[in-house]
Amino acid sequence: MLPEFRAVTVRNPSHDSMVVRWSVVPNGYPSDKLAFEVLRSQGPSGPWEVVGEAEVGAFHYTDYDVVDASSYRRYYYIVRMADTEGKGYRDSKPTHLGHDPDNVSLGMVRKKNVFLKARSGVPAAVLLKKTWGSKCSRCYDAVRKLATDANCRECYGTGYTGGYLTPVLVPCLAARESLGAAQGLNPGSTVFEIGNEPLLVPGDIIVDQVRNVRYRVEGVELRTHRMYVVCQMVAVTRIDENDVVYSLQIPETLESQRGQSHDMTRN
């Protein structure tokens, strides 16, 4: 049986590279029969693309093909361990660049997630907006480097094919408090409180799984403990039902996880 992963870490040595390192639990499996490749995504649920293979005997890989390693959107990595004779493979859990949490931070995250679910939190699907990948063949302007059609059904106004990453299910709770004035948002903006993963940025979409109401993220305020994100306060605006993003489908695997009906915008 292939060995299990002991640890996978991601570090950022420069603005245009990421270093992924890993270790495995020894179990007597011949090391010369192990090969490793690294997969990358901008979201914890994919889609994933293979970015390269580690050299023989190496337990690290440097990704030089990042758009901007210091950008606001996280890069997630999976390490795939495979038998060189095709006898199977094993994937690590998704890992991203970030501050290592202490026990207090982990405890706060657990409590916050329980709170969001216990306080009538709504199951919400988060659609992360793509910021790299194959360009839209229909409306992408290579000179201006942007999409020219906000209602494009190929990129949904993002400029990148597909528009958004694979949906991620998160607990979501409407909050009374407003974000800081520094966010430049309207005082009456609807604010949702969600967990620490995945990190949201303006332009992302939150979908009410019960009513299929969709909201566009305006601003995000992170709540942290010793640099580790515990939760996010997200200001949103409701998207018109005629907007092209309503044609984006939510997979049945997420649909089946719906809870009882709640109104996300109630106080």
C-alpha atoms as a PDB file:
ATOM      1  CA  MET A   1       0.000   0.000   0.000  1.00  0.00           C
ATOM      2  CA  LEU A   2       1.227   3.492  -0.838  1.00  0.00           C
ATOM      3  CA  PRO A   3       2.451   5.451   2.196  1.00  0.00           C
ATOM      4  CA  GLU A   4       0.349   8.247   3.654  1.00  0.00           C
ATOM      5  CA  PHE A   5       1.324  11.910   3.562  1.00  0.00           C
ATOM      6  CA  ARG A   6       2.734  13.200   6.826  1.00  0.00           C
ATOM      7  CA  ALA A   7       2.765  16.888   5.902  1.00  0.00           C
ATOM      8  CA  VAL A   8       2.477  19.209   2.898  1.00  0.00           C
ATOM      9  CA  THR A   9       3.543  22.852   3.135  1.00  0.00           C
ATOM     10  CA  VAL A  10       3.522  25.822   0.764  1.00  0.00           C
ATOM     11  CA  ARG A  11       5.972  28.709   0.998  1.00  0.00           C
ATOM     12  CA  ASN A  12       6.410  31.917  -0.996  1.00  0.00           C
ATOM     13  CA  PRO A  13      10.136  32.652  -1.507  1.00  0.00           C
ATOM     14  CA  SER A  14       9.513  35.330  -4.177  1.00  0.00           C
ATOM     15  CA  HIS A  15       6.677  37.278  -5.778  1.00  0.00           C
ATOM     16  CA  ASP A  16       6.561  34.917  -8.783  1.00  0.00           C
ATOM     17  CA  SER A  17       7.044  31.466  -7.261  1.00  0.00           C
ATOM     18  CA  MET A  18       5.657  28.980  -4.770  1.00  0.00           C
ATOM     19  CA  VAL A  19       7.560  26.093  -3.183  1.00  0.00           C
ATOM     20  CA  VAL A  20       5.590  22.988  -2.254  1.00  0.00           C
ATOM     21  CA  ARG A  21       7.268  20.529   0.144  1.00  0.00           C
ATOM     22  CA  TRP A  22       5.971  17.231   1.482  1.00  0.00           C
ATOM     23  CA  SER A  23       6.907  14.226   3.582  1.00  0.00           C
ATOM     24  CA  VAL A  24       5.416  10.744   3.852  1.00  0.00           C
ATOM     25  CA  VAL A  25       5.063   8.159   6.609  1.00  0.00           C
ATOM     26  CA  PRO A  26       7.564   5.328   5.952  1.00  0.00           C
ATOM     27  CA  ASN A  27       5.910   1.932   5.543  1.00  0.00           C
ATOM     28  CA  GLY A  28       8.522  -0.050   3.630  1.00  0.00           C
ATOM     29  CA  TYR A  29       7.213   0.886   0.185  1.00  0.00           C
ATOM     30  CA  PRO A  30      10.156   1.025  -2.293  1.00  0.00           C
ATOM     31  CA  SER A  31      11.023   4.720  -2.732  1.00  0.00           C
ATOM     32  CA  ASP A  32      12.286   4.099  -6.266  1.00  0.00           C
ATOM     33  CA  LYS A  33       8.738   3.153  -7.262  1.00  0.00           C
ATOM     34  CA  LEU A  34       7.232   6.460  -6.128  1.00  0.00           C
ATOM     35  CA  ALA A  35       6.624   9.445  -8.400  1.00  0.00           C
ATOM     36  CA  PHE A  36       5.139  12.801  -7.387  1.00  0.00           C
ATOM     37  CA  GLU A  37       3.302  15.425  -9.367  1.00  0.00           C
ATOM     38  CA  VAL A  38       1.838  18.716  -8.179  1.00  0.00           C
ATOM     39  CA  LEU A  39      -1.634  20.047  -8.995  1.00  0.00           C
ATOM     40  CA  ARG A  40      -2.797  23.629  -8.550  1.00  0.00           C
ATOM     41  CA  SER A  41      -6.091  25.516  -8.299  1.00  0.00           C
ATOM     42  CA  GLN A  42      -7.410  28.863  -7.080  1.00  0.00           C
ATOM     43  CA  GLY A  43     -10.087  27.124  -5.030  1.00  0.00           C
ATOM     44  CA  PRO A  44     -10.107  24.253  -2.522  1.00  0.00           C
ATOM     45  CA  SER A  45     -12.563  22.265  -4.679  1.00  0.00           C
ATOM     46  CA  GLY A  46     -10.784  22.730  -8.010  1.00  0.00           C
ATOM     47  CA  PRO A  47     -10.800  22.389 -10.916  1.00  0.00           C
ATOM     48  CA  TRP A  48      -7.188  21.187 -10.674  1.00  0.00           C
ATOM     49  CA  GLU A  49      -4.421  21.330 -13.235  1.00  0.00           C
ATOM     50  CA  VAL A  50      -1.095  19.503 -13.186  1.00  0.00           C
ATOM     51  CA  VAL A  51       1.711  22.061 -12.963  1.00  0.00           C
ATOM     52  CA  GLY A  52       4.693  19.714 -12.922  1.00  0.00           C
ATOM     53  CA  GLU A  53       6.483  16.667 -11.564  1.00  0.00           C
ATOM     54  CA  ALA A  54       9.116  16.437  -8.852  1.00  0.00           C
ATOM     55  CA  GLU A  55      12.569  15.224  -9.797  1.00  0.00           C
ATOM     56  CA  VAL A  56      13.332  11.603  -8.939  1.00  0.00           C
ATOM     57  CA  GLY A  57      13.993  11.304  -5.193  1.00  0.00           C
ATOM     58  CA  ALA A  58      12.868  14.893  -4.464  1.00  0.00           C
ATOM     59  CA  PHE A  59      10.139  15.816  -1.986  1.00  0.00           C
ATOM     60  CA  HIS A  60       9.634  19.380  -3.170  1.00  0.00           C
ATOM     61  CA  TYR A  61       8.566  21.302  -6.251  1.00  0.00           C
ATOM     62  CA  THR A  62       8.900  24.977  -7.194  1.00  0.00           C
ATOM     63  CA  ASP A  63       6.013  26.472  -9.149  1.00  0.00           C
ATOM     64  CA  TYR A  64       7.322  29.353 -11.272  1.00  0.00           C
ATOM     65  CA  ASP A  65       4.139  29.628 -13.322  1.00  0.00           C
ATOM     66  CA  VAL A  66       2.096  31.679 -10.876  1.00  0.00           C
ATOM     67  CA  VAL A  67       0.514  34.898 -12.055  1.00  0.00           C
ATOM     68  CA  ASP A  68       1.285  36.740  -8.839  1.00  0.00           C
ATOM     69  CA  ALA A  69       2.073  34.738  -5.734  1.00  0.00           C
ATOM     70  CA  SER A  70       1.343  37.750  -3.519  1.00  0.00           C
ATOM     71  CA  SER A  71      -2.106  38.427  -5.056  1.00  0.00           C
ATOM     72  CA  TYR A  72      -5.359  38.446  -3.126  1.00  0.00           C
ATOM     73  CA  ARG A  73      -6.478  35.066  -4.486  1.00  0.00           C
ATOM     74  CA  ARG A  74      -5.029  31.996  -2.796  1.00  0.00           C
ATOM     75  CA  TYR A  75      -3.232  29.230  -4.656  1.00  0.00           C
ATOM     76  CA  TYR A  76      -4.151  25.717  -3.501  1.00  0.00           C
ATOM     77  CA  TYR A  77      -1.946  22.688  -4.136  1.00  0.00           C
ATOM     78  CA  ILE A  78      -2.412  18.928  -4.102  1.00  0.00           C
ATOM     79  CA  VAL A  79       0.519  16.509  -4.237  1.00  0.00           C
ATOM     80  CA  ARG A  80      -0.231  13.272  -6.088  1.00  0.00           C
ATOM     81  CA  MET A  81       1.857  10.245  -5.139  1.00  0.00           C
ATOM     82  CA  ALA A  82       1.766   7.452  -7.732  1.00  0.00           C
ATOM     83  CA  ASP A  83       3.313   4.044  -8.247  1.00  0.00           C
ATOM     84  CA  THR A  84       5.613   4.155 -11.269  1.00  0.00           C
ATOM     85  CA  GLU A  85       4.209   0.820 -12.458  1.00  0.00           C
ATOM     86  CA  GLY A  86       0.635   2.077 -12.442  1.00  0.00           C
ATOM     87  CA  LYS A  87      -0.476   0.275  -9.296  1.00  0.00           C
ATOM     88  CA  GLY A  88      -2.369   3.197  -7.828  1.00  0.00           C
ATOM     89  CA  TYR A  89      -2.007   6.737  -6.527  1.00  0.00           C
ATOM     90  CA  ARG A  90      -2.815   8.846  -3.463  1.00  0.00           C
ATOM     91  CA  ASP A  91      -3.623  12.562  -3.244  1.00  0.00           C
ATOM     92  CA  SER A  92      -2.764  14.845  -0.354  1.00  0.00           C
ATOM     93  CA  LYS A  93      -5.349  17.214   1.091  1.00  0.00           C
ATOM     94  CA  PRO A  94      -5.503  20.683  -0.533  1.00  0.00           C
ATOM     95  CA  THR A  95      -2.922  22.993   1.020  1.00  0.00           C
ATOM     96  CA  HIS A  96      -2.339  26.721   0.575  1.00  0.00           C
ATOM     97  CA  LEU A  97       0.106  29.414   1.561  1.00  0.00           C
ATOM     98  CA  GLY A  98      -0.805  30.849   4.934  1.00  0.00           C
ATOM     99  CA  HIS A  99       0.120  31.360   8.540  1.00  0.00           C
ATOM    100  CA  ASP A 100       0.252  28.191  10.623  1.00  0.00           C
ATOM    101  CA  PRO A 101      -2.536  28.256  13.237  1.00  0.00           C
ATOM    102  CA  ASP A 102      -1.980  27.674  16.924  1.00  0.00           C
ATOM    103  CA  ASN A 103      -4.376  25.592  19.021  1.00  0.00           C
ATOM    104  CA  VAL A 104      -6.325  28.672  20.079  1.00  0.00           C
ATOM    105  CA  SER A 105      -6.920  29.686  16.456  1.00  0.00           C
ATOM    106  CA  LEU A 106      -8.066  26.198  15.517  1.00  0.00           C
ATOM    107  CA  GLY A 107     -10.440  26.172  18.486  1.00  0.00           C
ATOM    108  CA  MET A 108     -11.884  29.544  17.466  1.00  0.00           C
ATOM    109  CA  VAL A 109     -12.483  28.291  13.916  1.00  0.00           C
ATOM    110  CA  ARG A 110     -14.295  25.191  15.179  1.00  0.00           C
ATOM    111  CA  LYS A 111     -16.491  27.228  17.527  1.00  0.00           C
ATOM    112  CA  LYS A 112     -17.300  29.741  14.809  1.00  0.00           C
ATOM    113  CA  ASN A 113     -18.390  27.030  12.379  1.00  0.00           C
ATOM    114  CA  VAL A 114     -20.601  25.424  15.027  1.00  0.00           C
ATOM    115  CA  PHE A 115     -22.078  28.855  15.803  1.00  0.00           C
ATOM    116  CA  LEU A 116     -22.891  29.547  12.149  1.00  0.00           C
ATOM    117  CA  LYS A 117     -24.705  26.225  11.805  1.00  0.00           C
ATOM    118  CA  ALA A 118     -26.456  26.357  15.173  1.00  0.00           C
ATOM    119  CA  ARG A 119     -27.774  29.900  14.657  1.00  0.00           C
ATOM    120  CA  SER A 120     -29.879  28.925  11.643  1.00  0.00           C
ATOM    121  CA  GLY A 121     -27.062  29.430   9.208  1.00  0.00           C
ATOM    122  CA  VAL A 122     -28.015  28.899   5.579  1.00  0.00           C
ATOM    123  CA  PRO A 123     -26.154  26.418   3.351  1.00  0.00           C
ATOM    124  CA  ALA A 124     -24.540  28.634   0.741  1.00  0.00           C
ATOM    125  CA  ALA A 125     -22.523  27.817  -2.357  1.00  0.00           C
ATOM    126  CA  VAL A 126     -19.539  30.083  -2.926  1.00  0.00           C
ATOM    127  CA  LEU A 127     -18.458  30.676  -6.526  1.00  0.00           C
ATOM    128  CA  LEU A 128     -14.903  31.990  -6.668  1.00  0.00           C
ATOM    129  CA  LYS A 129     -14.198  34.255  -9.626  1.00  0.00           C
ATOM    130  CA  LYS A 130     -11.373  33.079 -11.890  1.00  0.00           C
ATOM    131  CA  THR A 131      -8.376  35.394 -12.247  1.00  0.00           C
ATOM    132  CA  TRP A 132      -6.217  33.160 -14.452  1.00  0.00           C
ATOM    133  CA  GLY A 133      -6.647  30.323 -16.927  1.00  0.00           C
ATOM    134  CA  SER A 134      -7.721  30.014 -20.543  1.00  0.00           C
ATOM    135  CA  LYS A 135      -9.047  33.297 -21.947  1.00  0.00           C
ATOM    136  CA  CYS A 136     -12.590  33.596 -23.230  1.00  0.00           C
ATOM    137  CA  SER A 137     -12.635  32.910 -26.979  1.00  0.00           C
ATOM    138  CA  ARG A 138     -15.755  35.021 -27.451  1.00  0.00           C
ATOM    139  CA  CYS A 139     -15.275  38.358 -25.702  1.00  0.00           C
ATOM    140  CA  TYR A 140     -11.750  38.643 -24.241  1.00  0.00           C
ATOM    141  CA  ASP A 141      -9.876  41.737 -25.458  1.00  0.00           C
ATOM    142  CA  ALA A 142      -6.152  40.891 -25.491  1.00  0.00           C
ATOM    143  CA  VAL A 143      -5.158  44.549 -25.791  1.00  0.00           C
ATOM    144  CA  ARG A 144      -7.278  45.868 -22.929  1.00  0.00           C
ATOM    145  CA  LYS A 145      -6.905  42.547 -21.049  1.00  0.00           C
ATOM    146  CA  LEU A 146     -10.537  42.321 -20.016  1.00  0.00           C
ATOM    147  CA  ALA A 147     -13.897  40.901 -21.054  1.00  0.00           C
ATOM    148  CA  THR A 148     -15.993  43.080 -23.328  1.00  0.00           C
ATOM    149  CA  ASP A 149     -19.362  41.460 -22.637  1.00  0.00           C
ATOM    150  CA  ALA A 150     -20.697  41.348 -19.075  1.00  0.00           C
ATOM    151  CA  ASN A 151     -23.419  38.914 -20.214  1.00  0.00           C
ATOM    152  CA  CYS A 152     -21.105  36.491 -22.007  1.00  0.00           C
ATOM    153  CA  ARG A 153     -22.250  32.901 -21.472  1.00  0.00           C
ATOM    154  CA  GLU A 154     -18.738  31.549 -21.948  1.00  0.00           C
ATOM    155  CA  CYS A 155     -16.926  33.569 -19.277  1.00  0.00           C
ATOM    156  CA  TYR A 156     -19.817  35.279 -17.410  1.00  0.00           C
ATOM    157  CA  GLY A 157     -18.072  38.625 -17.697  1.00  0.00           C
ATOM    158  CA  THR A 158     -14.793  37.495 -16.096  1.00  0.00           C
ATOM    159  CA  GLY A 159     -12.720  37.084 -19.267  1.00  0.00           C
ATOM    160  CA  TYR A 160     -11.807  33.476 -18.381  1.00  0.00           C
ATOM    161  CA  THR A 161     -13.505  30.367 -19.748  1.00  0.00           C
ATOM    162  CA  GLY A 162     -16.075  29.073 -17.268  1.00  0.00           C
ATOM    163  CA  GLY A 163     -15.938  32.265 -15.233  1.00  0.00           C
ATOM    164  CA  TYR A 164     -15.934  30.682 -11.788  1.00  0.00           C
ATOM    165  CA  LEU A 165     -14.329  27.765  -9.973  1.00  0.00           C
ATOM    166  CA  THR A 166     -16.072  24.646  -8.671  1.00  0.00           C
ATOM    167  CA  PRO A 167     -18.641  25.708  -6.023  1.00  0.00           C
ATOM    168  CA  VAL A 168     -17.717  25.339  -2.352  1.00  0.00           C
ATOM    169  CA  LEU A 169     -20.408  24.740   0.283  1.00  0.00           C
ATOM    170  CA  VAL A 170     -20.137  26.978   3.368  1.00  0.00           C
ATOM    171  CA  PRO A 171     -22.406  27.848   6.319  1.00  0.00           C
ATOM    172  CA  CYS A 172     -23.598  31.436   6.021  1.00  0.00           C
ATOM    173  CA  LEU A 173     -25.398  33.717   8.485  1.00  0.00           C
ATOM    174  CA  ALA A 174     -26.861  37.176   7.976  1.00  0.00           C
ATOM    175  CA  ALA A 175     -25.244  39.687  10.354  1.00  0.00           C
ATOM    176  CA  ARG A 176     -26.470  42.995  11.738  1.00  0.00           C
ATOM    177  CA  GLU A 177     -23.153  44.799  11.883  1.00  0.00           C
ATOM    178  CA  SER A 178     -21.742  46.781   8.974  1.00  0.00           C
ATOM    179  CA  LEU A 179     -18.225  46.659   7.633  1.00  0.00           C
ATOM    180  CA  GLY A 180     -15.829  49.501   8.325  1.00  0.00           C
ATOM    181  CA  ALA A 181     -16.131  52.736   6.394  1.00  0.00           C
ATOM    182  CA  ALA A 182     -12.691  52.023   4.942  1.00  0.00           C
ATOM    183  CA  GLN A 183     -14.321  49.394   2.736  1.00  0.00           C
ATOM    184  CA  GLY A 184     -16.105  52.194   0.866  1.00  0.00           C
ATOM    185  CA  LEU A 185     -19.485  50.424   1.028  1.00  0.00           C
ATOM    186  CA  ASN A 186     -22.999  51.701   1.447  1.00  0.00           C
ATOM    187  CA  PRO A 187     -24.118  51.800   5.105  1.00  0.00           C
ATOM    188  CA  GLY A 188     -27.126  49.654   4.179  1.00  0.00           C
ATOM    189  CA  SER A 189     -25.178  46.857   2.539  1.00  0.00           C
ATOM    190  CA  THR A 190     -26.243  43.324   3.415  1.00  0.00           C
ATOM    191  CA  VAL A 191     -23.538  41.610   5.433  1.00  0.00           C
ATOM    192  CA  PHE A 192     -23.033  37.859   5.719  1.00  0.00           C
ATOM    193  CA  GLU A 193     -20.797  36.081   8.185  1.00  0.00           C
ATOM    194  CA  ILE A 194     -19.107  32.940   6.872  1.00  0.00           C
ATOM    195  CA  GLY A 195     -16.270  30.668   7.966  1.00  0.00           C
ATOM    196  CA  ASN A 196     -12.578  31.057   7.236  1.00  0.00           C
ATOM    197  CA  GLU A 197     -12.500  29.001   4.037  1.00  0.00           C
ATOM    198  CA  PRO A 198     -12.348  29.824   1.220  1.00  0.00           C
ATOM    199  CA  LEU A 199     -11.220  33.441   1.323  1.00  0.00           C
ATOM    200  CA  LEU A 200     -13.561  35.680  -0.667  1.00  0.00           C
ATOM    201  CA  VAL A 201     -12.760  38.787  -2.708  1.00  0.00           C
ATOM    202  CA  PRO A 202     -14.942  41.345  -4.509  1.00  0.00           C
ATOM    203  CA  GLY A 203     -16.566  39.812  -7.564  1.00  0.00           C
ATOM    204  CA  ASP A 204     -17.124  36.378  -6.035  1.00  0.00           C
ATOM    205  CA  ILE A 205     -20.692  35.074  -5.788  1.00  0.00           C
ATOM    206  CA  ILE A 206     -22.637  33.630  -2.853  1.00  0.00           C
ATOM    207  CA  VAL A 207     -25.661  31.480  -3.724  1.00  0.00           C
ATOM    208  CA  ASP A 208     -28.502  30.921  -1.262  1.00  0.00           C
ATOM    209  CA  GLN A 209     -28.893  27.151  -1.693  1.00  0.00           C
ATOM    210  CA  VAL A 210     -32.513  27.200  -0.527  1.00  0.00           C
ATOM    211  CA  ARG A 211     -33.989  30.017  -2.613  1.00  0.00           C
ATOM    212  CA  ASN A 212     -31.361  30.166  -5.395  1.00  0.00           C
ATOM    213  CA  VAL A 213     -30.867  33.860  -4.708  1.00  0.00           C
ATOM    214  CA  ARG A 214     -27.439  35.062  -5.774  1.00  0.00           C
ATOM    215  CA  TYR A 215     -25.307  37.815  -4.287  1.00  0.00           C
ATOM    216  CA  ARG A 216     -22.151  39.495  -5.547  1.00  0.00           C
ATOM    217  CA  VAL A 217     -19.400  40.221  -3.031  1.00  0.00           C
ATOM    218  CA  GLU A 218     -18.614  43.945  -2.613  1.00  0.00           C
ATOM    219  CA  GLY A 219     -16.105  43.815   0.209  1.00  0.00           C
ATOM    220  CA  VAL A 220     -14.610  41.483   2.797  1.00  0.00           C
ATOM    221  CA  GLU A 221     -13.356  42.120   6.313  1.00  0.00           C
ATOM    222  CA  LEU A 222     -11.276  39.321   7.838  1.00  0.00           C
ATOM    223  CA  ARG A 223     -11.445  38.471  11.535  1.00  0.00           C
ATOM    224  CA  THR A 224      -8.148  36.959  12.613  1.00  0.00           C
ATOM    225  CA  HIS A 225      -6.267  35.583  15.601  1.00  0.00           C
ATOM    226  CA  ARG A 226      -2.486  35.896  15.401  1.00  0.00           C
ATOM    227  CA  MET A 227      -2.640  36.382  11.628  1.00  0.00           C
ATOM    228  CA  TYR A 228      -4.814  33.288  11.095  1.00  0.00           C
ATOM    229  CA  VAL A 229      -8.263  33.887   9.579  1.00  0.00           C
ATOM    230  CA  VAL A 230     -11.103  32.798  11.877  1.00  0.00           C
ATOM    231  CA  CYS A 231     -14.098  34.091   9.902  1.00  0.00           C
ATOM    232  CA  GLN A 232     -15.121  36.629   7.268  1.00  0.00           C
ATOM    233  CA  MET A 233     -17.653  39.460   7.281  1.00  0.00           C
ATOM    234  CA  VAL A 234     -18.806  39.791   3.672  1.00  0.00           C
ATOM    235  CA  ALA A 235     -20.781  42.740   2.267  1.00  0.00           C
ATOM    236  CA  VAL A 236     -22.904  41.769  -0.733  1.00  0.00           C
ATOM    237  CA  THR A 237     -25.498  43.080  -3.174  1.00  0.00           C
ATOM    238  CA  ARG A 238     -28.322  40.964  -4.559  1.00  0.00           C
ATOM    239  CA  ILE A 239     -27.900  40.093  -8.240  1.00  0.00           C
ATOM    240  CA  ASP A 240     -30.788  40.714 -10.616  1.00  0.00           C
ATOM    241  CA  GLU A 241     -32.487  37.449 -11.616  1.00  0.00           C
ATOM    242  CA  ASN A 242     -31.946  38.275 -15.304  1.00  0.00           C
ATOM    243  CA  ASP A 243     -28.165  38.332 -14.837  1.00  0.00           C
ATOM    244  CA  VAL A 244     -26.227  35.713 -16.790  1.00  0.00           C
ATOM    245  CA  VAL A 245     -24.738  34.244 -13.572  1.00  0.00           C
ATOM    246  CA  TYR A 246     -28.126  32.648 -12.825  1.00  0.00           C
ATOM    247  CA  SER A 247     -27.371  30.192 -15.617  1.00  0.00           C
ATOM    248  CA  LEU A 248     -24.420  28.833 -13.632  1.00  0.00           C
ATOM    249  CA  GLN A 249     -25.373  25.385 -12.368  1.00  0.00           C
ATOM    250  CA  ILE A 250     -24.807  24.133  -8.816  1.00  0.00           C
ATOM    251  CA  PRO A 251     -23.783  20.426  -8.799  1.00  0.00           C
ATOM    252  CA  GLU A 252     -26.252  17.926  -7.352  1.00  0.00           C
ATOM    253  CA  THR A 253     -23.709  16.964  -4.700  1.00  0.00           C
ATOM    254  CA  LEU A 254     -24.175  20.432  -3.226  1.00  0.00           C
ATOM    255  CA  GLU A 255     -27.926  20.547  -3.872  1.00  0.00           C
ATOM    256  CA  SER A 256     -28.413  17.384  -1.800  1.00  0.00           C
ATOM    257  CA  GLN A 257     -26.842  19.039   1.230  1.00  0.00           C
ATOM    258  CA  ARG A 258     -29.504  21.699   1.533  1.00  0.00           C
ATOM    259  CA  GLY A 259     -31.025  22.160   4.971  1.00  0.00           C
ATOM    260  CA  GLN A 260     -34.384  23.561   5.974  1.00  0.00           C
ATOM    261  CA  SER A 261     -35.537  26.762   4.321  1.00  0.00           C
ATOM    262  CA  HIS A 262     -34.279  30.019   5.823  1.00  0.00           C
ATOM    263  CA  ASP A 263     -34.116  33.573   4.630  1.00  0.00           C
ATOM    264  CA  MET A 264     -30.478  34.702   4.346  1.00  0.00           C
ATOM    265  CA  THR A 265     -31.336  38.405   4.520  1.00  0.00           C
ATOM    266  CA  ARG A 266     -33.390  38.340   7.691  1.00  0.00           C
ATOM    267  CA  ASN A 267     -32.006  39.948  10.856  1.00  0.00           C
END
